[in-house]
Amino acid sequence: MSDLERKYGYLWDGSDEGWILLRAPESPGGYCVFNKRRMALLHVESSDLNTQLCERMREAGCEILEDQPKGPEVQVQRR
């Protein structure tokens, strides 16, 4: 298992539900990592890491949304 899988596998393996990709052309990788259940955006400071996470989530078949879902104010989670 890779370091990426160990640290971030919860984003695509279903163990922590709700993680999706939100289209964001200005972001590295073209997406933001977002939890639609908690209305939380995962802030990833590293451009390379964000790109890797987005690629891995796409490979795993994670849902992709064009626009932020309607709901309460978005919370930011830093990693």
PDB file of N, CA and C in Angstrom:
ATOM      1  N   MET A   1       0.844  -1.168   0.000  1.00  0.00           N
ATOM      2  CA  MET A   1       0.000   0.000   0.000  1.00  0.00           C
ATOM      3  C   MET A   1       0.899   1.244   0.000  1.00  0.00           C
ATOM      4  N   SER A   2       0.582   2.191  -0.856  1.00  0.00           N
ATOM      5  CA  SER A   2       1.388   3.400  -0.953  1.00  0.00           C
ATOM      6  C   SER A   2       1.071   4.369   0.189  1.00  0.00           C
ATOM      7  N   ASP A   3       1.944   5.337   0.364  1.00  0.00           N
ATOM      8  CA  ASP A   3       1.750   6.373   1.381  1.00  0.00           C
ATOM      9  C   ASP A   3       0.461   7.149   1.099  1.00  0.00           C
ATOM     10  N   LEU A   4       0.196   7.404  -0.178  1.00  0.00           N
ATOM     11  CA  LEU A   4      -1.030   8.106  -0.578  1.00  0.00           C
ATOM     12  C   LEU A   4      -2.262   7.310  -0.156  1.00  0.00           C
ATOM     13  N   GLU A   5      -2.235   6.013  -0.377  1.00  0.00           N
ATOM     14  CA  GLU A   5      -3.353   5.137   0.001  1.00  0.00           C
ATOM     15  C   GLU A   5      -3.576   5.133   1.511  1.00  0.00           C
ATOM     16  N   ARG A   6      -2.485   5.060   2.264  1.00  0.00           N
ATOM     17  CA  ARG A   6      -2.591   5.019   3.734  1.00  0.00           C
ATOM     18  C   ARG A   6      -3.160   6.310   4.299  1.00  0.00           C
ATOM     19  N   LYS A   7      -2.673   7.429   3.809  1.00  0.00           N
ATOM     20  CA  LYS A   7      -3.076   8.722   4.372  1.00  0.00           C
ATOM     21  C   LYS A   7      -4.420   9.216   3.855  1.00  0.00           C
ATOM     22  N   TYR A   8      -4.724   8.932   2.603  1.00  0.00           N
ATOM     23  CA  TYR A   8      -5.889   9.556   1.982  1.00  0.00           C
ATOM     24  C   TYR A   8      -6.888   8.575   1.386  1.00  0.00           C
ATOM     25  N   GLY A   9      -6.695   7.291   1.587  1.00  0.00           N
ATOM     26  CA  GLY A   9      -7.589   6.289   1.015  1.00  0.00           C
ATOM     27  C   GLY A   9      -9.049   6.487   1.397  1.00  0.00           C
ATOM     28  N   TYR A  10      -9.301   7.081   2.549  1.00  0.00           N
ATOM     29  CA  TYR A  10     -10.681   7.328   2.991  1.00  0.00           C
ATOM     30  C   TYR A  10     -11.448   8.212   2.014  1.00  0.00           C
ATOM     31  N   LEU A  11     -10.722   8.971   1.178  1.00  0.00           N
ATOM     32  CA  LEU A  11     -11.396   9.844   0.211  1.00  0.00           C
ATOM     33  C   LEU A  11     -12.089   9.062  -0.895  1.00  0.00           C
ATOM     34  N   TRP A  12     -11.606   7.854  -1.194  1.00  0.00           N
ATOM     35  CA  TRP A  12     -12.182   7.088  -2.300  1.00  0.00           C
ATOM     36  C   TRP A  12     -12.597   5.669  -1.942  1.00  0.00           C
ATOM     37  N   ASP A  13     -12.263   5.191  -0.756  1.00  0.00           N
ATOM     38  CA  ASP A  13     -12.579   3.784  -0.461  1.00  0.00           C
ATOM     39  C   ASP A  13     -13.925   3.558   0.229  1.00  0.00           C
ATOM     40  N   GLY A  14     -14.657   4.633   0.513  1.00  0.00           N
ATOM     41  CA  GLY A  14     -15.982   4.495   1.123  1.00  0.00           C
ATOM     42  C   GLY A  14     -15.976   4.422   2.637  1.00  0.00           C
ATOM     43  N   SER A  15     -14.807   4.427   3.264  1.00  0.00           N
ATOM     44  CA  SER A  15     -14.759   4.333   4.725  1.00  0.00           C
ATOM     45  C   SER A  15     -15.214   5.630   5.404  1.00  0.00           C
ATOM     46  N   ASP A  16     -15.153   6.742   4.689  1.00  0.00           N
ATOM     47  CA  ASP A  16     -15.649   8.032   5.173  1.00  0.00           C
ATOM     48  C   ASP A  16     -16.504   8.600   4.044  1.00  0.00           C
ATOM     49  N   GLU A  17     -17.780   8.377   4.113  1.00  0.00           N
ATOM     50  CA  GLU A  17     -18.686   8.670   2.994  1.00  0.00           C
ATOM     51  C   GLU A  17     -18.817  10.156   2.693  1.00  0.00           C
ATOM     52  N   GLY A  18     -19.112  10.433   1.434  1.00  0.00           N
ATOM     53  CA  GLY A  18     -19.454  11.782   1.015  1.00  0.00           C
ATOM     54  C   GLY A  18     -18.383  12.518   0.240  1.00  0.00           C
ATOM     55  N   TRP A  19     -17.174  11.948   0.149  1.00  0.00           N
ATOM     56  CA  TRP A  19     -16.101  12.640  -0.561  1.00  0.00           C
ATOM     57  C   TRP A  19     -16.300  12.521  -2.063  1.00  0.00           C
ATOM     58  N   ILE A  20     -16.258  13.669  -2.736  1.00  0.00           N
ATOM     59  CA  ILE A  20     -16.456  13.756  -4.181  1.00  0.00           C
ATOM     60  C   ILE A  20     -15.444  14.737  -4.752  1.00  0.00           C
ATOM     61  N   LEU A  21     -15.469  14.885  -6.052  1.00  0.00           N
ATOM     62  CA  LEU A  21     -14.687  15.918  -6.716  1.00  0.00           C
ATOM     63  C   LEU A  21     -15.636  17.007  -7.194  1.00  0.00           C
ATOM     64  N   LEU A  22     -15.237  18.226  -6.961  1.00  0.00           N
ATOM     65  CA  LEU A  22     -16.002  19.390  -7.389  1.00  0.00           C
ATOM     66  C   LEU A  22     -15.161  20.106  -8.443  1.00  0.00           C
ATOM     67  N   ARG A  23     -15.736  20.246  -9.631  1.00  0.00           N
ATOM     68  CA  ARG A  23     -14.967  20.834 -10.729  1.00  0.00           C
ATOM     69  C   ARG A  23     -14.510  22.246 -10.352  1.00  0.00           C
ATOM     70  N   ALA A  24     -13.208  22.489 -10.519  1.00  0.00           N
ATOM     71  CA  ALA A  24     -12.595  23.781 -10.205  1.00  0.00           C
ATOM     72  C   ALA A  24     -11.418  23.976 -11.156  1.00  0.00           C
ATOM     73  N   PRO A  25     -11.687  24.488 -12.361  1.00  0.00           N
ATOM     74  CA  PRO A  25     -10.636  24.597 -13.378  1.00  0.00           C
ATOM     75  C   PRO A  25      -9.391  25.357 -12.926  1.00  0.00           C
ATOM     76  N   GLU A  26      -9.540  26.256 -11.951  1.00  0.00           N
ATOM     77  CA  GLU A  26      -8.399  27.041 -11.488  1.00  0.00           C
ATOM     78  C   GLU A  26      -7.517  26.277 -10.499  1.00  0.00           C
ATOM     79  N   SER A  27      -7.974  25.153 -10.018  1.00  0.00           N
ATOM     80  CA  SER A  27      -7.214  24.347  -9.053  1.00  0.00           C
ATOM     81  C   SER A  27      -6.318  23.338  -9.762  1.00  0.00           C
ATOM     82  N   PRO A  28      -5.182  23.013  -9.143  1.00  0.00           N
ATOM     83  CA  PRO A  28      -4.327  21.966  -9.710  1.00  0.00           C
ATOM     84  C   PRO A  28      -5.110  20.658  -9.808  1.00  0.00           C
ATOM     85  N   GLY A  29      -5.051  20.017 -10.936  1.00  0.00           N
ATOM     86  CA  GLY A  29      -5.803  18.784 -11.130  1.00  0.00           C
ATOM     87  C   GLY A  29      -7.201  19.036 -11.662  1.00  0.00           C
ATOM     88  N   GLY A  30      -7.638  20.303 -11.635  1.00  0.00           N
ATOM     89  CA  GLY A  30      -8.936  20.669 -12.195  1.00  0.00           C
ATOM     90  C   GLY A  30     -10.126  20.450 -11.278  1.00  0.00           C
ATOM     91  N   TYR A  31      -9.868  19.997 -10.045  1.00  0.00           N
ATOM     92  CA  TYR A  31     -10.950  19.707  -9.106  1.00  0.00           C
ATOM     93  C   TYR A  31     -10.552  20.108  -7.694  1.00  0.00           C
ATOM     94  N   CYS A  32     -11.583  20.251  -6.849  1.00  0.00           N
ATOM     95  CA  CYS A  32     -11.407  20.373  -5.399  1.00  0.00           C
ATOM     96  C   CYS A  32     -11.966  19.105  -4.785  1.00  0.00           C
ATOM     97  N   VAL A  33     -11.377  18.689  -3.680  1.00  0.00           N
ATOM     98  CA  VAL A  33     -11.875  17.538  -2.935  1.00  0.00           C
ATOM     99  C   VAL A  33     -12.907  18.080  -1.948  1.00  0.00           C
ATOM    100  N   PHE A  34     -14.118  17.523  -2.013  1.00  0.00           N
ATOM    101  CA  PHE A  34     -15.248  18.092  -1.286  1.00  0.00           C
ATOM    102  C   PHE A  34     -16.076  16.981  -0.648  1.00  0.00           C
ATOM    103  N   ASN A  35     -16.560  17.225   0.566  1.00  0.00           N
ATOM    104  CA  ASN A  35     -17.453  16.266   1.210  1.00  0.00           C
ATOM    105  C   ASN A  35     -18.858  16.843   1.180  1.00  0.00           C
ATOM    106  N   LYS A  36     -19.726  16.236   0.381  1.00  0.00           N
ATOM    107  CA  LYS A  36     -21.073  16.777   0.200  1.00  0.00           C
ATOM    108  C   LYS A  36     -21.987  16.494   1.386  1.00  0.00           C
ATOM    109  N   ARG A  37     -21.642  15.551   2.244  1.00  0.00           N
ATOM    110  CA  ARG A  37     -22.453  15.274   3.437  1.00  0.00           C
ATOM    111  C   ARG A  37     -22.206  16.318   4.518  1.00  0.00           C
ATOM    112  N   ARG A  38     -20.953  16.731   4.642  1.00  0.00           N
ATOM    113  CA  ARG A  38     -20.583  17.709   5.672  1.00  0.00           C
ATOM    114  C   ARG A  38     -20.432  19.124   5.135  1.00  0.00           C
ATOM    115  N   MET A  39     -20.579  19.263   3.808  1.00  0.00           N
ATOM    116  CA  MET A  39     -20.364  20.554   3.148  1.00  0.00           C
ATOM    117  C   MET A  39     -18.984  21.088   3.530  1.00  0.00           C
ATOM    118  N   ALA A  40     -17.970  20.238   3.344  1.00  0.00           N
ATOM    119  CA  ALA A  40     -16.608  20.576   3.732  1.00  0.00           C
ATOM    120  C   ALA A  40     -15.666  20.455   2.538  1.00  0.00           C
ATOM    121  N   LEU A  41     -14.854  21.451   2.360  1.00  0.00           N
ATOM    122  CA  LEU A  41     -13.841  21.468   1.328  1.00  0.00           C
ATOM    123  C   LEU A  41     -12.516  21.073   1.963  1.00  0.00           C
ATOM    124  N   LEU A  42     -11.827  20.102   1.387  1.00  0.00           N
ATOM    125  CA  LEU A  42     -10.522  19.693   1.897  1.00  0.00           C
ATOM    126  C   LEU A  42      -9.472  20.590   1.258  1.00  0.00           C
ATOM    127  N   HIS A  43      -8.849  21.437   2.064  1.00  0.00           N
ATOM    128  CA  HIS A  43      -7.817  22.348   1.562  1.00  0.00           C
ATOM    129  C   HIS A  43      -6.486  21.612   1.514  1.00  0.00           C
ATOM    130  N   VAL A  44      -5.962  21.439   0.318  1.00  0.00           N
ATOM    131  CA  VAL A  44      -4.678  20.762   0.120  1.00  0.00           C
ATOM    132  C   VAL A  44      -3.708  21.806  -0.409  1.00  0.00           C
ATOM    133  N   GLU A  45      -2.715  22.169   0.394  1.00  0.00           N
ATOM    134  CA  GLU A  45      -1.799  23.244   0.009  1.00  0.00           C
ATOM    135  C   GLU A  45      -0.852  22.860  -1.121  1.00  0.00           C
ATOM    136  N   SER A  46      -0.489  21.609  -1.212  1.00  0.00           N
ATOM    137  CA  SER A  46       0.436  21.151  -2.244  1.00  0.00           C
ATOM    138  C   SER A  46      -0.304  20.912  -3.569  1.00  0.00           C
ATOM    139  N   SER A  47       0.138  21.608  -4.597  1.00  0.00           N
ATOM    140  CA  SER A  47      -0.459  21.426  -5.928  1.00  0.00           C
ATOM    141  C   SER A  47      -0.289  19.996  -6.422  1.00  0.00           C
ATOM    142  N   ASP A  48       0.903  19.433  -6.201  1.00  0.00           N
ATOM    143  CA  ASP A  48       1.168  18.058  -6.640  1.00  0.00           C
ATOM    144  C   ASP A  48       0.258  17.062  -5.922  1.00  0.00           C
ATOM    145  N   LEU A  49       0.106  17.233  -4.610  1.00  0.00           N
ATOM    146  CA  LEU A  49      -0.746  16.323  -3.849  1.00  0.00           C
ATOM    147  C   LEU A  49      -2.197  16.452  -4.288  1.00  0.00           C
ATOM    148  N   ASN A  50      -2.672  17.671  -4.497  1.00  0.00           N
ATOM    149  CA  ASN A  50      -4.054  17.848  -4.938  1.00  0.00           C
ATOM    150  C   ASN A  50      -4.278  17.144  -6.274  1.00  0.00           C
ATOM    151  N   THR A  51      -3.335  17.286  -7.182  1.00  0.00           N
ATOM    152  CA  THR A  51      -3.442  16.628  -8.485  1.00  0.00           C
ATOM    153  C   THR A  51      -3.475  15.109  -8.320  1.00  0.00           C
ATOM    154  N   GLN A  52      -2.601  14.565  -7.477  1.00  0.00           N
ATOM    155  CA  GLN A  52      -2.569  13.115  -7.238  1.00  0.00           C
ATOM    156  C   GLN A  52      -3.884  12.626  -6.632  1.00  0.00           C
ATOM    157  N   LEU A  53      -4.409  13.365  -5.665  1.00  0.00           N
ATOM    158  CA  LEU A  53      -5.673  12.959  -5.037  1.00  0.00           C
ATOM    159  C   LEU A  53      -6.811  12.973  -6.045  1.00  0.00           C
ATOM    160  N   CYS A  54      -6.859  14.009  -6.865  1.00  0.00           N
ATOM    161  CA  CYS A  54      -7.921  14.103  -7.879  1.00  0.00           C
ATOM    162  C   CYS A  54      -7.830  12.952  -8.879  1.00  0.00           C
ATOM    163  N   GLU A  55      -6.627  12.650  -9.327  1.00  0.00           N
ATOM    164  CA  GLU A  55      -6.448  11.542 -10.269  1.00  0.00           C
ATOM    165  C   GLU A  55      -6.881  10.222  -9.649  1.00  0.00           C
ATOM    166  N   ARG A  56      -6.484  10.002  -8.402  1.00  0.00           N
ATOM    167  CA  ARG A  56      -6.827   8.735  -7.731  1.00  0.00           C
ATOM    168  C   ARG A  56      -8.330   8.625  -7.502  1.00  0.00           C
ATOM    169  N   MET A  57      -8.959   9.722  -7.125  1.00  0.00           N
ATOM    170  CA  MET A  57     -10.414   9.708  -6.910  1.00  0.00           C
ATOM    171  C   MET A  57     -11.156   9.466  -8.227  1.00  0.00           C
ATOM    172  N   ARG A  58     -10.682  10.044  -9.302  1.00  0.00           N
ATOM    173  CA  ARG A  58     -11.303   9.796 -10.616  1.00  0.00           C
ATOM    174  C   ARG A  58     -11.156   8.326 -11.004  1.00  0.00           C
ATOM    175  N   GLU A  59      -9.959   7.771 -10.797  1.00  0.00           N
ATOM    176  CA  GLU A  59      -9.717   6.354 -11.103  1.00  0.00           C
ATOM    177  C   GLU A  59     -10.655   5.455 -10.305  1.00  0.00           C
ATOM    178  N   ALA A  60     -10.951   5.836  -9.072  1.00  0.00           N
ATOM    179  CA  ALA A  60     -11.815   5.031  -8.200  1.00  0.00           C
ATOM    180  C   ALA A  60     -13.295   5.227  -8.523  1.00  0.00           C
ATOM    181  N   GLY A  61     -13.596   6.149  -9.430  1.00  0.00           N
ATOM    182  CA  GLY A  61     -14.984   6.355  -9.831  1.00  0.00           C
ATOM    183  C   GLY A  61     -15.775   7.269  -8.910  1.00  0.00           C
ATOM    184  N   CYS A  62     -15.076   8.126  -8.170  1.00  0.00           N
ATOM    185  CA  CYS A  62     -15.776   9.060  -7.285  1.00  0.00           C
ATOM    186  C   CYS A  62     -16.657  10.002  -8.100  1.00  0.00           C
ATOM    187  N   GLU A  63     -17.747  10.392  -7.508  1.00  0.00           N
ATOM    188  CA  GLU A  63     -18.684  11.311  -8.139  1.00  0.00           C
ATOM    189  C   GLU A  63     -17.999  12.646  -8.433  1.00  0.00           C
ATOM    190  N   ILE A  64     -18.366  13.255  -9.555  1.00  0.00           N
ATOM    191  CA  ILE A  64     -17.848  14.564  -9.942  1.00  0.00           C
ATOM    192  C   ILE A  64     -19.041  15.494 -10.131  1.00  0.00           C
ATOM    193  N   LEU A  65     -18.998  16.646  -9.467  1.00  0.00           N
ATOM    194  CA  LEU A  65     -20.048  17.649  -9.607  1.00  0.00           C
ATOM    195  C   LEU A  65     -19.487  18.869 -10.318  1.00  0.00           C
ATOM    196  N   GLU A  66     -20.324  19.487 -11.135  1.00  0.00           N
ATOM    197  CA  GLU A  66     -19.933  20.702 -11.842  1.00  0.00           C
ATOM    198  C   GLU A  66     -20.018  21.925 -10.932  1.00  0.00           C
ATOM    199  N   ASP A  67     -20.993  21.926 -10.012  1.00  0.00           N
ATOM    200  CA  ASP A  67     -21.224  23.065  -9.132  1.00  0.00           C
ATOM    201  C   ASP A  67     -21.370  22.600  -7.700  1.00  0.00           C
ATOM    202  N   GLN A  68     -21.051  23.495  -6.785  1.00  0.00           N
ATOM    203  CA  GLN A  68     -21.193  23.200  -5.360  1.00  0.00           C
ATOM    204  C   GLN A  68     -22.661  22.932  -5.036  1.00  0.00           C
ATOM    205  N   PRO A  69     -22.935  21.876  -4.276  1.00  0.00           N
ATOM    206  CA  PRO A  69     -24.316  21.589  -3.901  1.00  0.00           C
ATOM    207  C   PRO A  69     -24.888  22.698  -3.022  1.00  0.00           C
ATOM    208  N   LYS A  70     -26.178  22.864  -3.095  1.00  0.00           N
ATOM    209  CA  LYS A  70     -26.865  23.843  -2.245  1.00  0.00           C
ATOM    210  C   LYS A  70     -26.911  23.298  -0.826  1.00  0.00           C
ATOM    211  N   GLY A  71     -26.784  24.168   0.137  1.00  0.00           N
ATOM    212  CA  GLY A  71     -26.856  23.733   1.525  1.00  0.00           C
ATOM    213  C   GLY A  71     -26.232  24.751   2.438  1.00  0.00           C
ATOM    214  N   PRO A  72     -25.894  24.329   3.645  1.00  0.00           N
ATOM    215  CA  PRO A  72     -25.301  25.252   4.612  1.00  0.00           C
ATOM    216  C   PRO A  72     -23.924  25.731   4.153  1.00  0.00           C
ATOM    217  N   GLU A  73     -23.414  26.701   4.841  1.00  0.00           N
ATOM    218  CA  GLU A  73     -22.110  27.278   4.518  1.00  0.00           C
ATOM    219  C   GLU A  73     -21.029  26.195   4.490  1.00  0.00           C
ATOM    220  N   VAL A  74     -20.135  26.307   3.523  1.00  0.00           N
ATOM    221  CA  VAL A  74     -19.053  25.338   3.347  1.00  0.00           C
ATOM    222  C   VAL A  74     -17.982  25.554   4.422  1.00  0.00           C
ATOM    223  N   GLN A  75     -17.542  24.452   5.020  1.00  0.00           N
ATOM    224  CA  GLN A  75     -16.462  24.456   5.997  1.00  0.00           C
ATOM    225  C   GLN A  75     -15.174  24.028   5.288  1.00  0.00           C
ATOM    226  N   VAL A  76     -14.043  24.548   5.705  1.00  0.00           N
ATOM    227  CA  VAL A  76     -12.766  24.179   5.114  1.00  0.00           C
ATOM    228  C   VAL A  76     -11.988  23.321   6.113  1.00  0.00           C
ATOM    229  N   GLN A  77     -11.522  22.162   5.642  1.00  0.00           N
ATOM    230  CA  GLN A  77     -10.689  21.273   6.449  1.00  0.00           C
ATOM    231  C   GLN A  77      -9.284  21.306   5.881  1.00  0.00           C
ATOM    232  N   ARG A  78      -8.323  21.665   6.686  1.00  0.00           N
ATOM    233  CA  ARG A  78      -6.920  21.729   6.230  1.00  0.00           C
ATOM    234  C   ARG A  78      -6.233  20.406   6.463  1.00  0.00           C
ATOM    235  N   ARG A  79      -5.411  19.991   5.530  1.00  0.00           N
ATOM    236  CA  ARG A  79      -4.605  18.764   5.645  1.00  0.00           C
ATOM    237  C   ARG A  79      -3.200  19.063   5.275  1.00  0.00           C
TER     238      ARG A  79
END
